């Protein structure tokens, strides 16, 4: 009997993880798509789902619209899937959908700190950067300074705060 026919959704998911970590994107996509075909609402015992990984692969390959769609599908299974919120927020930032990005990053902040995996300073920086790109300098400064307080030695955070302060001085 064909091995592929006998594999369960969990077997395929584990194969997808193994391929994803190699990295073997083609094998990972094949495995995660098999999971979705067997069970479109599949969630692994640790809470992960195949849509997140398919979204991450699409994002890495530069297929941002596909990544947004796949992260959104992951979020229909768990609206507080931290990695999918961050992934979709990052894609929204690239697409200049700053409102969507801010909503996703702020939703991650709603996750209790003891349950959240993302370092706080990076979330704060992502929020500040989205405000900066919109030229909303007061909010960019507010969130950038919060990021800098969390990680005072971070050059990128310092650079963002300094740039925003300069922009605010230069605005008539």
N, C-alpha and C. Protein backbone atom coordinates (compact mmCIF):
# COMPACT_ATOMS: atom_id res chain seq x y z
N UNK A 1 0.84 -1.19 0.00
CA UNK A 1 0.00 0.00 0.00
C UNK A 1 0.88 1.25 0.00
N UNK A 2 0.44 2.28 -0.66
CA UNK A 2 1.20 3.52 -0.78
C UNK A 2 1.33 4.18 0.60
N UNK A 3 2.55 4.53 0.98
CA UNK A 3 2.83 5.13 2.29
C UNK A 3 2.04 6.42 2.49
N UNK A 4 1.93 7.25 1.46
CA UNK A 4 1.25 8.54 1.59
C UNK A 4 -0.22 8.39 1.96
N UNK A 5 -0.85 7.36 1.49
CA UNK A 5 -2.28 7.15 1.77
C UNK A 5 -2.49 6.79 3.24
N UNK A 6 -1.52 6.11 3.85
CA UNK A 6 -1.70 5.63 5.21
C UNK A 6 -1.26 6.64 6.28
N UNK A 7 -0.63 7.72 5.90
CA UNK A 7 -0.19 8.70 6.90
C UNK A 7 -1.36 9.51 7.43
N UNK A 8 -1.35 9.76 8.72
CA UNK A 8 -2.39 10.59 9.35
C UNK A 8 -2.01 12.06 9.22
N UNK A 9 -2.95 12.93 9.57
CA UNK A 9 -2.67 14.37 9.55
C UNK A 9 -1.49 14.68 10.48
N UNK A 10 -1.44 14.02 11.62
CA UNK A 10 -0.33 14.25 12.56
C UNK A 10 0.99 13.78 11.97
N UNK A 11 0.97 12.63 11.30
CA UNK A 11 2.19 12.14 10.64
C UNK A 11 2.68 13.15 9.61
N UNK A 12 1.76 13.64 8.79
CA UNK A 12 2.12 14.62 7.77
C UNK A 12 2.62 15.91 8.40
N UNK A 13 1.97 16.34 9.48
CA UNK A 13 2.40 17.56 10.15
C UNK A 13 3.83 17.41 10.67
N UNK A 14 4.11 16.29 11.32
CA UNK A 14 5.46 16.05 11.83
C UNK A 14 6.48 15.99 10.70
N UNK A 15 6.09 15.40 9.57
CA UNK A 15 6.97 15.39 8.39
C UNK A 15 7.20 16.81 7.89
N UNK A 16 6.14 17.62 7.89
CA UNK A 16 6.26 19.01 7.48
C UNK A 16 7.22 19.78 8.37
N UNK A 17 7.13 19.57 9.68
CA UNK A 17 8.05 20.23 10.61
C UNK A 17 9.49 19.82 10.35
N UNK A 18 9.68 18.52 10.14
CA UNK A 18 11.03 18.01 9.87
C UNK A 18 11.60 18.67 8.61
N UNK A 19 10.80 18.74 7.56
CA UNK A 19 11.24 19.37 6.31
C UNK A 19 11.46 20.87 6.50
N UNK A 20 10.58 21.53 7.23
CA UNK A 20 10.68 22.97 7.47
C UNK A 20 12.00 23.30 8.16
N UNK A 21 12.42 22.46 9.09
CA UNK A 21 13.63 22.72 9.87
C UNK A 21 14.91 22.37 9.13
N UNK A 22 14.84 21.63 8.01
CA UNK A 22 16.04 21.17 7.30
C UNK A 22 16.88 22.30 6.71
N UNK A 23 16.49 23.22 5.97
CA UNK A 23 15.17 23.52 5.42
C UNK A 23 14.94 22.87 4.06
N UNK A 24 13.79 22.29 3.93
CA UNK A 24 13.33 21.70 2.67
C UNK A 24 11.92 22.24 2.43
N UNK A 25 11.86 23.41 1.82
CA UNK A 25 10.58 24.08 1.62
C UNK A 25 9.60 23.28 0.78
N UNK A 26 10.09 22.63 -0.26
CA UNK A 26 9.21 21.86 -1.14
C UNK A 26 8.59 20.70 -0.37
N UNK A 27 9.41 19.98 0.39
CA UNK A 27 8.89 18.88 1.19
C UNK A 27 7.93 19.36 2.26
N UNK A 28 8.25 20.50 2.87
CA UNK A 28 7.37 21.06 3.91
C UNK A 28 6.02 21.44 3.33
N UNK A 29 6.03 22.11 2.18
CA UNK A 29 4.76 22.51 1.55
C UNK A 29 3.94 21.27 1.21
N UNK A 30 4.58 20.27 0.63
CA UNK A 30 3.87 19.03 0.28
C UNK A 30 3.22 18.41 1.51
N UNK A 31 3.97 18.35 2.61
CA UNK A 31 3.46 17.72 3.82
C UNK A 31 2.34 18.55 4.46
N UNK A 32 2.54 19.86 4.57
CA UNK A 32 1.51 20.70 5.20
C UNK A 32 0.25 20.77 4.35
N UNK A 33 0.41 20.76 3.03
CA UNK A 33 -0.78 20.72 2.17
C UNK A 33 -1.53 19.40 2.33
N UNK A 34 -0.80 18.31 2.58
CA UNK A 34 -1.45 17.02 2.83
C UNK A 34 -2.25 17.07 4.13
N UNK A 35 -1.72 17.75 5.13
CA UNK A 35 -2.45 17.90 6.40
C UNK A 35 -3.77 18.60 6.15
N UNK A 36 -3.71 19.72 5.42
CA UNK A 36 -4.91 20.52 5.15
C UNK A 36 -5.93 19.72 4.34
N UNK A 37 -5.43 18.90 3.43
CA UNK A 37 -6.34 18.08 2.63
C UNK A 37 -7.06 17.05 3.51
N UNK A 38 -6.36 16.49 4.46
CA UNK A 38 -6.96 15.50 5.37
C UNK A 38 -7.90 16.18 6.36
N UNK A 39 -7.44 17.30 6.94
CA UNK A 39 -8.22 17.98 7.98
C UNK A 39 -7.94 19.48 7.93
N UNK A 40 -8.79 20.25 7.25
CA UNK A 40 -8.56 21.69 7.11
C UNK A 40 -8.50 22.45 8.44
N UNK A 41 -9.03 21.89 9.50
CA UNK A 41 -9.01 22.56 10.81
C UNK A 41 -7.98 21.92 11.75
N UNK A 42 -7.01 21.21 11.19
CA UNK A 42 -6.04 20.49 12.01
C UNK A 42 -5.23 21.43 12.90
N UNK A 43 -5.10 21.04 14.16
CA UNK A 43 -4.19 21.71 15.10
C UNK A 43 -3.35 20.62 15.75
N UNK A 44 -2.06 20.83 15.75
CA UNK A 44 -1.14 19.88 16.37
C UNK A 44 -1.33 19.94 17.88
N UNK A 45 -0.86 18.92 18.58
CA UNK A 45 -1.04 18.87 20.04
C UNK A 45 -0.43 20.08 20.74
N UNK A 46 0.58 20.71 20.14
CA UNK A 46 1.19 21.90 20.75
C UNK A 46 0.49 23.19 20.33
N UNK A 47 -0.59 23.07 19.55
CA UNK A 47 -1.36 24.24 19.13
C UNK A 47 -1.01 24.75 17.75
N UNK A 48 0.14 24.33 17.21
CA UNK A 48 0.53 24.78 15.87
C UNK A 48 -0.44 24.26 14.82
N UNK A 49 -0.48 24.97 13.69
CA UNK A 49 -1.30 24.49 12.57
C UNK A 49 -0.53 24.68 11.27
N UNK A 50 -0.87 23.93 10.25
CA UNK A 50 -0.11 23.96 9.00
C UNK A 50 -0.17 25.30 8.28
N UNK A 51 -1.24 26.06 8.48
CA UNK A 51 -1.37 27.33 7.76
C UNK A 51 -0.27 28.31 8.16
N UNK A 52 0.14 28.28 9.43
CA UNK A 52 1.24 29.17 9.84
C UNK A 52 2.50 28.85 9.03
N UNK A 53 2.85 27.58 8.96
CA UNK A 53 4.08 27.19 8.26
C UNK A 53 3.99 27.47 6.76
N UNK A 54 2.83 27.23 6.18
CA UNK A 54 2.65 27.56 4.76
C UNK A 54 2.76 29.07 4.57
N UNK A 55 2.24 29.84 5.52
CA UNK A 55 2.37 31.30 5.46
C UNK A 55 3.81 31.74 5.57
N UNK A 56 4.55 31.15 6.49
CA UNK A 56 5.96 31.52 6.68
C UNK A 56 6.77 31.20 5.43
N UNK A 57 6.52 30.05 4.83
CA UNK A 57 7.24 29.69 3.60
C UNK A 57 6.90 30.68 2.49
N UNK A 58 5.63 31.03 2.36
CA UNK A 58 5.23 32.02 1.34
C UNK A 58 5.90 33.36 1.60
N UNK A 59 5.96 33.77 2.86
CA UNK A 59 6.60 35.04 3.21
C UNK A 59 8.09 35.01 2.83
N UNK A 60 8.76 33.93 3.18
CA UNK A 60 10.19 33.80 2.87
C UNK A 60 10.42 33.84 1.37
N UNK A 61 9.51 33.25 0.61
CA UNK A 61 9.63 33.23 -0.85
C UNK A 61 9.19 34.54 -1.49
N UNK A 62 8.73 35.49 -0.68
CA UNK A 62 8.33 36.79 -1.22
C UNK A 62 6.91 36.83 -1.76
N UNK A 63 6.14 35.79 -1.51
CA UNK A 63 4.74 35.76 -1.95
C UNK A 63 3.88 36.30 -0.80
N UNK A 64 3.95 37.62 -0.63
CA UNK A 64 3.37 38.28 0.54
C UNK A 64 1.85 38.15 0.58
N UNK A 65 1.19 38.31 -0.55
CA UNK A 65 -0.28 38.18 -0.56
C UNK A 65 -0.71 36.77 -0.13
N UNK A 66 -0.01 35.76 -0.63
CA UNK A 66 -0.31 34.38 -0.22
C UNK A 66 -0.05 34.20 1.27
N UNK A 67 1.04 34.78 1.75
CA UNK A 67 1.38 34.66 3.17
C UNK A 67 0.29 35.27 4.04
N UNK A 68 -0.20 36.45 3.66
CA UNK A 68 -1.27 37.09 4.43
C UNK A 68 -2.50 36.18 4.48
N UNK A 69 -2.86 35.61 3.35
CA UNK A 69 -4.02 34.72 3.29
C UNK A 69 -3.82 33.50 4.20
N UNK A 70 -2.64 32.91 4.16
CA UNK A 70 -2.38 31.71 4.96
C UNK A 70 -2.30 32.02 6.45
N UNK A 71 -1.66 33.14 6.79
CA UNK A 71 -1.64 33.54 8.21
C UNK A 71 -3.07 33.81 8.69
N UNK A 72 -3.88 34.42 7.83
CA UNK A 72 -5.28 34.69 8.20
C UNK A 72 -6.04 33.39 8.43
N UNK A 73 -5.76 32.39 7.61
CA UNK A 73 -6.40 31.08 7.82
C UNK A 73 -5.97 30.48 9.16
N UNK A 74 -4.69 30.62 9.48
CA UNK A 74 -4.20 30.13 10.78
C UNK A 74 -4.94 30.83 11.91
N UNK A 75 -5.19 32.11 11.73
CA UNK A 75 -5.86 32.89 12.77
C UNK A 75 -7.34 32.56 12.90
N UNK A 76 -7.93 31.96 11.87
CA UNK A 76 -9.32 31.50 12.03
C UNK A 76 -9.39 30.30 12.97
N UNK A 77 -8.29 29.56 13.07
CA UNK A 77 -8.23 28.42 13.99
C UNK A 77 -7.89 28.86 15.41
N UNK A 78 -7.12 29.93 15.52
CA UNK A 78 -6.73 30.47 16.83
C UNK A 78 -6.45 31.95 16.64
N UNK A 79 -7.39 32.79 17.06
CA UNK A 79 -7.26 34.23 16.80
C UNK A 79 -6.11 34.87 17.57
N UNK A 80 -5.53 34.17 18.52
CA UNK A 80 -4.37 34.68 19.26
C UNK A 80 -3.11 33.86 18.97
N UNK A 81 -3.03 33.28 17.77
CA UNK A 81 -1.82 32.55 17.37
C UNK A 81 -0.72 33.60 17.19
N UNK A 82 0.14 33.68 18.18
CA UNK A 82 1.15 34.74 18.24
C UNK A 82 2.02 34.80 16.98
N UNK A 83 2.52 33.66 16.55
CA UNK A 83 3.42 33.65 15.40
C UNK A 83 2.70 34.08 14.12
N UNK A 84 1.44 33.70 13.98
CA UNK A 84 0.67 34.10 12.79
C UNK A 84 0.34 35.59 12.83
N UNK A 85 0.05 36.12 14.02
CA UNK A 85 -0.20 37.56 14.14
C UNK A 85 1.06 38.35 13.78
N UNK A 86 2.20 37.90 14.27
CA UNK A 86 3.46 38.58 13.95
C UNK A 86 3.79 38.44 12.47
N UNK A 87 3.60 37.24 11.92
CA UNK A 87 3.87 37.04 10.50
C UNK A 87 2.99 37.89 9.63
N UNK A 88 1.68 37.89 9.92
CA UNK A 88 0.77 38.71 9.12
C UNK A 88 1.06 40.19 9.32
N UNK A 89 1.35 40.59 10.57
CA UNK A 89 1.69 41.99 10.82
C UNK A 89 2.92 42.42 10.04
N UNK A 90 3.91 41.56 9.96
CA UNK A 90 5.11 41.87 9.18
C UNK A 90 4.79 42.00 7.70
N UNK A 91 3.96 41.10 7.20
CA UNK A 91 3.55 41.18 5.79
C UNK A 91 2.74 42.45 5.53
N UNK A 92 1.85 42.78 6.45
CA UNK A 92 1.08 44.02 6.31
C UNK A 92 2.02 45.23 6.28
N UNK A 93 3.08 45.20 7.09
CA UNK A 93 4.05 46.30 7.08
C UNK A 93 4.68 46.42 5.70
N UNK A 94 5.09 45.30 5.13
CA UNK A 94 5.68 45.31 3.78
C UNK A 94 4.70 45.86 2.76
N UNK A 95 3.42 45.50 2.90
CA UNK A 95 2.38 45.94 1.95
C UNK A 95 1.87 47.36 2.25
N UNK A 96 2.43 47.99 3.28
CA UNK A 96 2.03 49.35 3.69
C UNK A 96 0.60 49.38 4.24
N UNK A 97 0.10 48.25 4.72
CA UNK A 97 -1.18 48.20 5.41
C UNK A 97 -0.89 48.37 6.90
N UNK A 98 -0.57 49.62 7.26
CA UNK A 98 -0.11 49.89 8.62
C UNK A 98 -1.20 49.68 9.66
N UNK A 99 -2.44 49.98 9.32
CA UNK A 99 -3.53 49.76 10.28
C UNK A 99 -3.64 48.28 10.63
N UNK A 100 -3.57 47.42 9.61
CA UNK A 100 -3.62 45.98 9.85
C UNK A 100 -2.42 45.51 10.66
N UNK A 101 -1.23 46.02 10.32
CA UNK A 101 -0.02 45.63 11.04
C UNK A 101 -0.12 46.04 12.51
N UNK A 102 -0.53 47.28 12.74
CA UNK A 102 -0.64 47.76 14.12
C UNK A 102 -1.64 46.93 14.92
N UNK A 103 -2.76 46.61 14.29
CA UNK A 103 -3.78 45.79 14.98
C UNK A 103 -3.20 44.43 15.37
N UNK A 104 -2.46 43.81 14.45
CA UNK A 104 -1.89 42.49 14.75
C UNK A 104 -0.83 42.57 15.84
N UNK A 105 0.09 43.54 15.74
CA UNK A 105 1.15 43.64 16.75
C UNK A 105 0.57 43.99 18.12
N UNK A 106 -0.42 44.87 18.15
CA UNK A 106 -1.04 45.22 19.43
C UNK A 106 -1.82 44.05 20.01
N UNK A 107 -2.38 43.22 19.16
CA UNK A 107 -3.10 42.03 19.65
C UNK A 107 -2.11 41.08 20.33
N UNK A 108 -0.90 40.99 19.79
CA UNK A 108 0.13 40.16 20.44
C UNK A 108 0.44 40.72 21.83
N UNK A 109 0.45 42.05 21.95
CA UNK A 109 0.68 42.66 23.26
C UNK A 109 -0.41 42.28 24.26
N UNK A 110 -1.61 41.96 23.77
CA UNK A 110 -2.71 41.55 24.66
C UNK A 110 -2.48 40.16 25.26
N UNK A 111 -1.59 39.39 24.66
CA UNK A 111 -1.28 38.07 25.20
C UNK A 111 -0.51 38.28 26.51
N UNK A 112 -0.90 37.62 27.58
CA UNK A 112 -0.19 37.81 28.85
C UNK A 112 1.32 37.54 28.69
N UNK A 113 2.15 38.39 29.29
CA UNK A 113 3.61 38.26 29.12
C UNK A 113 4.14 36.86 29.42
N UNK A 114 3.55 36.19 30.40
CA UNK A 114 4.05 34.86 30.75
C UNK A 114 3.71 33.82 29.68
N UNK A 115 2.77 34.14 28.79
CA UNK A 115 2.39 33.23 27.71
C UNK A 115 2.97 33.64 26.37
N UNK A 116 3.45 34.86 26.28
CA UNK A 116 3.94 35.41 25.01
C UNK A 116 5.39 34.99 24.79
N UNK A 117 5.72 34.62 23.56
CA UNK A 117 7.09 34.23 23.22
C UNK A 117 7.91 35.38 22.66
N UNK A 118 7.28 36.27 21.93
CA UNK A 118 8.01 37.36 21.29
C UNK A 118 8.56 38.32 22.33
N UNK A 119 9.82 38.71 22.20
CA UNK A 119 10.37 39.71 23.12
C UNK A 119 9.61 41.03 23.00
N UNK A 120 9.24 41.60 24.13
CA UNK A 120 8.44 42.81 24.17
C UNK A 120 9.07 43.93 23.35
N UNK A 121 10.38 44.11 23.46
CA UNK A 121 11.02 45.23 22.77
C UNK A 121 10.86 45.15 21.26
N UNK A 122 10.80 43.95 20.70
CA UNK A 122 10.64 43.81 19.26
C UNK A 122 9.22 44.15 18.81
N UNK A 123 8.25 43.80 19.63
CA UNK A 123 6.87 44.19 19.32
C UNK A 123 6.72 45.70 19.37
N UNK A 124 7.28 46.31 20.42
CA UNK A 124 7.20 47.76 20.55
C UNK A 124 7.89 48.45 19.38
N UNK A 125 9.03 47.91 18.96
CA UNK A 125 9.75 48.48 17.82
C UNK A 125 8.92 48.35 16.54
N UNK A 126 8.30 47.19 16.34
CA UNK A 126 7.48 46.99 15.13
C UNK A 126 6.33 47.98 15.09
N UNK A 127 5.73 48.23 16.24
CA UNK A 127 4.64 49.22 16.31
C UNK A 127 5.19 50.61 16.00
N UNK A 128 6.31 50.96 16.62
CA UNK A 128 6.92 52.27 16.37
C UNK A 128 7.27 52.45 14.90
N UNK A 129 7.81 51.42 14.29
CA UNK A 129 8.20 51.50 12.88
C UNK A 129 6.99 51.71 11.97
N UNK A 130 5.88 51.07 12.28
CA UNK A 130 4.68 51.28 11.47
C UNK A 130 4.18 52.71 11.61
N UNK A 131 4.22 53.25 12.80
CA UNK A 131 3.83 54.66 12.97
C UNK A 131 4.81 55.58 12.24
N UNK A 132 6.11 55.27 12.32
CA UNK A 132 7.11 56.09 11.63
C UNK A 132 6.86 56.10 10.12
N UNK A 133 6.58 54.93 9.56
CA UNK A 133 6.35 54.86 8.12
C UNK A 133 5.12 55.67 7.70
N UNK A 134 4.18 55.84 8.62
CA UNK A 134 2.99 56.64 8.32
C UNK A 134 3.22 58.13 8.60
N UNK A 135 4.42 58.43 9.08
CA UNK A 135 4.77 59.80 9.48
C UNK A 135 3.93 60.29 10.67
N UNK A 136 3.47 59.35 11.48
CA UNK A 136 2.80 59.67 12.74
C UNK A 136 3.90 59.68 13.81
N UNK A 137 4.65 60.79 13.80
CA UNK A 137 5.86 60.85 14.61
C UNK A 137 5.60 60.84 16.12
N UNK A 138 4.55 61.49 16.64
CA UNK A 138 4.32 61.40 18.09
C UNK A 138 4.11 59.95 18.56
N UNK A 139 3.32 59.18 17.83
CA UNK A 139 3.12 57.78 18.21
C UNK A 139 4.38 56.95 17.98
N UNK A 140 5.10 57.24 16.90
CA UNK A 140 6.36 56.53 16.64
C UNK A 140 7.34 56.77 17.79
N UNK A 141 7.42 58.00 18.26
CA UNK A 141 8.31 58.33 19.37
C UNK A 141 7.86 57.61 20.65
N UNK A 142 6.58 57.66 20.92
CA UNK A 142 6.05 57.01 22.13
C UNK A 142 6.42 55.52 22.16
N UNK A 143 6.13 54.82 21.08
CA UNK A 143 6.39 53.38 21.05
C UNK A 143 7.88 53.08 20.92
N UNK A 144 8.61 53.93 20.19
CA UNK A 144 10.05 53.75 20.07
C UNK A 144 10.76 53.91 21.40
N UNK A 145 10.34 54.90 22.18
CA UNK A 145 10.94 55.10 23.50
C UNK A 145 10.62 53.93 24.43
N UNK A 146 9.42 53.37 24.30
CA UNK A 146 9.08 52.18 25.09
C UNK A 146 10.00 51.01 24.71
N UNK A 147 10.25 50.85 23.41
CA UNK A 147 11.16 49.79 22.96
C UNK A 147 12.56 50.02 23.52
N UNK A 148 13.00 51.27 23.47
CA UNK A 148 14.34 51.61 23.95
C UNK A 148 14.46 51.37 25.46
N UNK A 149 13.42 51.66 26.21
CA UNK A 149 13.44 51.39 27.65
C UNK A 149 13.60 49.90 27.93
N UNK A 150 12.99 49.08 27.09
CA UNK A 150 13.09 47.62 27.26
C UNK A 150 14.47 47.09 26.88
N UNK A 151 15.13 47.78 25.96
CA UNK A 151 16.42 47.31 25.45
C UNK A 151 17.29 48.53 25.13
N UNK A 152 17.84 49.18 26.19
CA UNK A 152 18.55 50.45 26.01
C UNK A 152 19.79 50.38 25.11
N UNK A 153 20.36 49.22 24.95
CA UNK A 153 21.58 49.10 24.14
C UNK A 153 21.30 48.75 22.68
N UNK A 154 20.04 48.64 22.31
CA UNK A 154 19.70 48.24 20.95
C UNK A 154 19.87 49.42 20.00
N UNK A 155 20.80 49.25 19.07
CA UNK A 155 21.13 50.32 18.13
C UNK A 155 19.93 50.70 17.25
N UNK A 156 19.19 49.70 16.78
CA UNK A 156 18.04 49.99 15.89
C UNK A 156 16.98 50.80 16.62
N UNK A 157 16.75 50.49 17.88
CA UNK A 157 15.75 51.24 18.64
C UNK A 157 16.21 52.68 18.85
N UNK A 158 17.49 52.84 19.19
CA UNK A 158 18.06 54.18 19.38
C UNK A 158 17.98 54.97 18.06
N UNK A 159 18.32 54.33 16.97
CA UNK A 159 18.30 54.99 15.67
C UNK A 159 16.88 55.45 15.30
N UNK A 160 15.88 54.62 15.55
CA UNK A 160 14.50 54.99 15.26
C UNK A 160 14.09 56.20 16.10
N UNK A 161 14.37 56.17 17.38
CA UNK A 161 13.99 57.28 18.26
C UNK A 161 14.69 58.56 17.81
N UNK A 162 15.98 58.48 17.52
CA UNK A 162 16.72 59.67 17.07
C UNK A 162 16.17 60.21 15.76
N UNK A 163 15.86 59.31 14.82
CA UNK A 163 15.32 59.74 13.53
C UNK A 163 13.96 60.41 13.70
N UNK A 164 13.12 59.83 14.53
CA UNK A 164 11.78 60.41 14.75
C UNK A 164 11.90 61.78 15.40
N UNK A 165 12.78 61.92 16.37
CA UNK A 165 12.98 63.23 17.01
C UNK A 165 13.44 64.26 15.99
N UNK A 166 14.33 63.85 15.11
CA UNK A 166 14.81 64.76 14.05
C UNK A 166 13.65 65.15 13.14
N UNK A 167 12.85 64.18 12.74
CA UNK A 167 11.71 64.46 11.87
C UNK A 167 10.74 65.43 12.54
N UNK A 168 10.54 65.26 13.83
CA UNK A 168 9.61 66.13 14.56
C UNK A 168 10.15 67.56 14.64
N UNK A 169 11.47 67.70 14.76
CA UNK A 169 12.08 69.04 14.76
C UNK A 169 11.98 69.70 13.39
N UNK A 170 12.10 68.88 12.34
CA UNK A 170 12.11 69.40 10.97
C UNK A 170 10.73 69.74 10.44
N UNK A 171 9.68 69.24 11.09
CA UNK A 171 8.31 69.50 10.63
C UNK A 171 7.92 70.90 11.07
N UNK A 172 7.47 71.74 10.11
CA UNK A 172 7.13 73.13 10.48
C UNK A 172 5.92 73.21 11.39
